[in-house]
Amino acid sequence: MLKEFDRKAALYEIIERELTMFQAVNNEGGTADCQQRPETSVLCGA
């Protein structure tokens, strides 16, 4: 039997994975403010 697709759970998983990759980026001048405060991206709808 197929499991029903949970869109909300899938979106949450994608966002978590993207955030992990984004925070792992090494910038020339150190980490960017948005890497230190990822909630600002979520609040802005990015």
PDB file of N, CA and C in Angstrom:
ATOM      1  N   MET A   1       0.837  -1.182   0.000  1.00  0.00           N
ATOM      2  CA  MET A   1       0.000   0.000   0.000  1.00  0.00           C
ATOM      3  C   MET A   1       0.887   1.252   0.000  1.00  0.00           C
ATOM      4  N   LEU A   2       0.520   2.250  -0.796  1.00  0.00           N
ATOM      5  CA  LEU A   2       1.297   3.466  -0.892  1.00  0.00           C
ATOM      6  C   LEU A   2       0.992   4.416   0.258  1.00  0.00           C
ATOM      7  N   LYS A   3       2.031   5.046   0.768  1.00  0.00           N
ATOM      8  CA  LYS A   3       1.873   6.026   1.826  1.00  0.00           C
ATOM      9  C   LYS A   3       1.448   7.358   1.208  1.00  0.00           C
ATOM     10  N   GLU A   4       0.520   8.058   1.841  1.00  0.00           N
ATOM     11  CA  GLU A   4       0.048   9.345   1.348  1.00  0.00           C
ATOM     12  C   GLU A   4       1.162  10.381   1.435  1.00  0.00           C
ATOM     13  N   PHE A   5       1.296  11.197   0.390  1.00  0.00           N
ATOM     14  CA  PHE A   5       2.323  12.224   0.335  1.00  0.00           C
ATOM     15  C   PHE A   5       1.993  13.340   1.316  1.00  0.00           C
ATOM     16  N   ASP A   6       2.950  13.698   2.154  1.00  0.00           N
ATOM     17  CA  ASP A   6       2.778  14.771   3.135  1.00  0.00           C
ATOM     18  C   ASP A   6       3.565  15.981   2.650  1.00  0.00           C
ATOM     19  N   ARG A   7       2.882  16.906   1.986  1.00  0.00           N
ATOM     20  CA  ARG A   7       3.529  18.066   1.373  1.00  0.00           C
ATOM     21  C   ARG A   7       4.254  18.920   2.410  1.00  0.00           C
ATOM     22  N   LYS A   8       3.619  19.165   3.541  1.00  0.00           N
ATOM     23  CA  LYS A   8       4.212  20.005   4.578  1.00  0.00           C
ATOM     24  C   LYS A   8       5.504  19.388   5.111  1.00  0.00           C
ATOM     25  N   ALA A   9       5.501  18.106   5.341  1.00  0.00           N
ATOM     26  CA  ALA A   9       6.693  17.418   5.835  1.00  0.00           C
ATOM     27  C   ALA A   9       7.803  17.439   4.785  1.00  0.00           C
ATOM     28  N   ALA A  10       7.447  17.294   3.522  1.00  0.00           N
ATOM     29  CA  ALA A  10       8.436  17.323   2.451  1.00  0.00           C
ATOM     30  C   ALA A  10       9.071  18.711   2.350  1.00  0.00           C
ATOM     31  N   LEU A  11       8.267  19.765   2.423  1.00  0.00           N
ATOM     32  CA  LEU A  11       8.794  21.129   2.371  1.00  0.00           C
ATOM     33  C   LEU A  11       9.718  21.407   3.544  1.00  0.00           C
ATOM     34  N   TYR A  12       9.335  20.972   4.730  1.00  0.00           N
ATOM     35  CA  TYR A  12      10.161  21.157   5.917  1.00  0.00           C
ATOM     36  C   TYR A  12      11.518  20.481   5.735  1.00  0.00           C
ATOM     37  N   GLU A  13      11.508  19.262   5.200  1.00  0.00           N
ATOM     38  CA  GLU A  13      12.747  18.507   4.979  1.00  0.00           C
ATOM     39  C   GLU A  13      13.640  19.216   3.959  1.00  0.00           C
ATOM     40  N   ILE A  14      13.056  19.719   2.890  1.00  0.00           N
ATOM     41  CA  ILE A  14      13.826  20.441   1.869  1.00  0.00           C
ATOM     42  C   ILE A  14      14.466  21.690   2.468  1.00  0.00           C
ATOM     43  N   ILE A  15      13.696  22.447   3.223  1.00  0.00           N
ATOM     44  CA  ILE A  15      14.213  23.679   3.839  1.00  0.00           C
ATOM     45  C   ILE A  15      15.346  23.363   4.811  1.00  0.00           C
ATOM     46  N   GLU A  16      15.191  22.336   5.604  1.00  0.00           N
ATOM     47  CA  GLU A  16      16.235  21.951   6.548  1.00  0.00           C
ATOM     48  C   GLU A  16      17.524  21.564   5.827  1.00  0.00           C
ATOM     49  N   ARG A  17      17.405  20.805   4.746  1.00  0.00           N
ATOM     50  CA  ARG A  17      18.591  20.391   3.986  1.00  0.00           C
ATOM     51  C   ARG A  17      19.267  21.582   3.323  1.00  0.00           C
ATOM     52  N   GLU A  18      18.467  22.483   2.738  1.00  0.00           N
ATOM     53  CA  GLU A  18      19.029  23.670   2.098  1.00  0.00           C
ATOM     54  C   GLU A  18      19.732  24.565   3.117  1.00  0.00           C
ATOM     55  N   LEU A  19      19.145  24.715   4.297  1.00  0.00           N
ATOM     56  CA  LEU A  19      19.749  25.537   5.341  1.00  0.00           C
ATOM     57  C   LEU A  19      21.096  24.962   5.769  1.00  0.00           C
ATOM     58  N   THR A  20      21.167  23.665   5.913  1.00  0.00           N
ATOM     59  CA  THR A  20      22.423  23.007   6.289  1.00  0.00           C
ATOM     60  C   THR A  20      23.503  23.280   5.245  1.00  0.00           C
ATOM     61  N   MET A  21      23.152  23.160   3.964  1.00  0.00           N
ATOM     62  CA  MET A  21      24.126  23.427   2.898  1.00  0.00           C
ATOM     63  C   MET A  21      24.514  24.904   2.873  1.00  0.00           C
ATOM     64  N   PHE A  22      23.530  25.795   3.023  1.00  0.00           N
ATOM     65  CA  PHE A  22      23.771  27.238   2.996  1.00  0.00           C
ATOM     66  C   PHE A  22      24.719  27.657   4.113  1.00  0.00           C
ATOM     67  N   GLN A  23      24.533  27.112   5.300  1.00  0.00           N
ATOM     68  CA  GLN A  23      25.369  27.467   6.432  1.00  0.00           C
ATOM     69  C   GLN A  23      26.776  26.885   6.323  1.00  0.00           C
ATOM     70  N   ALA A  24      26.983  25.915   5.447  1.00  0.00           N
ATOM     71  CA  ALA A  24      28.293  25.301   5.272  1.00  0.00           C
ATOM     72  C   ALA A  24      29.174  26.072   4.282  1.00  0.00           C
ATOM     73  N   VAL A  25      28.605  27.052   3.580  1.00  0.00           N
ATOM     74  CA  VAL A  25      29.363  27.821   2.596  1.00  0.00           C
ATOM     75  C   VAL A  25      30.378  28.710   3.306  1.00  0.00           C
ATOM     76  N   ASN A  26      31.616  28.683   2.811  1.00  0.00           N
ATOM     77  CA  ASN A  26      32.670  29.533   3.349  1.00  0.00           C
ATOM     78  C   ASN A  26      32.833  30.749   2.455  1.00  0.00           C
ATOM     79  N   ASN A  27      32.479  31.910   2.950  1.00  0.00           N
ATOM     80  CA  ASN A  27      32.625  33.153   2.206  1.00  0.00           C
ATOM     81  C   ASN A  27      34.026  33.713   2.409  1.00  0.00           C
ATOM     82  N   GLU A  28      34.447  34.589   1.510  1.00  0.00           N
ATOM     83  CA  GLU A  28      35.763  35.205   1.595  1.00  0.00           C
ATOM     84  C   GLU A  28      35.964  35.981   2.893  1.00  0.00           C
ATOM     85  N   GLY A  29      34.979  36.749   3.298  1.00  0.00           N
ATOM     86  CA  GLY A  29      35.096  37.578   4.491  1.00  0.00           C
ATOM     87  C   GLY A  29      34.458  36.963   5.725  1.00  0.00           C
ATOM     88  N   GLY A  30      34.233  35.691   5.730  1.00  0.00           N
ATOM     89  CA  GLY A  30      33.555  35.030   6.842  1.00  0.00           C
ATOM     90  C   GLY A  30      32.103  34.776   6.494  1.00  0.00           C
ATOM     91  N   THR A  31      31.357  34.338   7.451  1.00  0.00           N
ATOM     92  CA  THR A  31      29.958  34.038   7.178  1.00  0.00           C
ATOM     93  C   THR A  31      29.145  35.319   7.048  1.00  0.00           C
ATOM     94  N   ALA A  32      28.132  35.269   6.216  1.00  0.00           N
ATOM     95  CA  ALA A  32      27.242  36.410   6.012  1.00  0.00           C
ATOM     96  C   ALA A  32      26.232  36.480   7.164  1.00  0.00           C
ATOM     97  N   ASP A  33      25.676  37.662   7.382  1.00  0.00           N
ATOM     98  CA  ASP A  33      24.686  37.829   8.452  1.00  0.00           C
ATOM     99  C   ASP A  33      23.518  36.857   8.302  1.00  0.00           C
ATOM    100  N   CYS A  34      23.080  36.661   7.061  1.00  0.00           N
ATOM    101  CA  CYS A  34      21.933  35.781   6.845  1.00  0.00           C
ATOM    102  C   CYS A  34      22.262  34.318   7.147  1.00  0.00           C
ATOM    103  N   GLN A  35      23.552  33.957   7.117  1.00  0.00           N
ATOM    104  CA  GLN A  35      23.937  32.609   7.505  1.00  0.00           C
ATOM    105  C   GLN A  35      23.876  32.453   9.023  1.00  0.00           C
ATOM    106  N   GLN A  36      24.138  33.517   9.734  1.00  0.00           N
ATOM    107  CA  GLN A  36      24.089  33.486  11.191  1.00  0.00           C
ATOM    108  C   GLN A  36      22.658  33.615  11.717  1.00  0.00           C
ATOM    109  N   ARG A  37      21.793  34.252  10.928  1.00  0.00           N
ATOM    110  CA  ARG A  37      20.406  34.472  11.345  1.00  0.00           C
ATOM    111  C   ARG A  37      19.446  33.982  10.262  1.00  0.00           C
ATOM    112  N   PRO A  38      19.355  32.672  10.059  1.00  0.00           N
ATOM    113  CA  PRO A  38      18.539  32.130   8.968  1.00  0.00           C
ATOM    114  C   PRO A  38      17.048  32.445   9.097  1.00  0.00           C
ATOM    115  N   GLU A  39      16.597  32.764  10.296  1.00  0.00           N
ATOM    116  CA  GLU A  39      15.177  33.079  10.464  1.00  0.00           C
ATOM    117  C   GLU A  39      14.790  34.328   9.685  1.00  0.00           C
ATOM    118  N   THR A  40      15.755  35.188   9.371  1.00  0.00           N
ATOM    119  CA  THR A  40      15.439  36.392   8.603  1.00  0.00           C
ATOM    120  C   THR A  40      15.056  36.024   7.170  1.00  0.00           C
ATOM    121  N   SER A  41      15.654  34.991   6.628  1.00  0.00           N
ATOM    122  CA  SER A  41      15.291  34.536   5.285  1.00  0.00           C
ATOM    123  C   SER A  41      13.882  33.969   5.280  1.00  0.00           C
ATOM    124  N   VAL A  42      13.539  33.234   6.301  1.00  0.00           N
ATOM    125  CA  VAL A  42      12.207  32.635   6.394  1.00  0.00           C
ATOM    126  C   VAL A  42      11.153  33.729   6.550  1.00  0.00           C
ATOM    127  N   LEU A  43      11.448  34.721   7.367  1.00  0.00           N
ATOM    128  CA  LEU A  43      10.490  35.806   7.587  1.00  0.00           C
ATOM    129  C   LEU A  43      10.256  36.632   6.320  1.00  0.00           C
ATOM    130  N   CYS A  44      11.297  36.739   5.499  1.00  0.00           N
ATOM    131  CA  CYS A  44      11.191  37.537   4.274  1.00  0.00           C
ATOM    132  C   CYS A  44      10.583  36.722   3.132  1.00  0.00           C
ATOM    133  N   GLY A  45      10.360  35.454   3.358  1.00  0.00           N
ATOM    134  CA  GLY A  45       9.777  34.620   2.322  1.00  0.00           C
ATOM    135  C   GLY A  45      10.770  34.116   1.307  1.00  0.00           C
ATOM    136  N   ALA A  46      12.039  34.220   1.604  1.00  0.00           N
ATOM    137  CA  ALA A  46      13.077  33.755   0.678  1.00  0.00           C
ATOM    138  C   ALA A  46      13.148  32.256   0.664  1.00  0.00           C
TER     139      ALA A  46
END
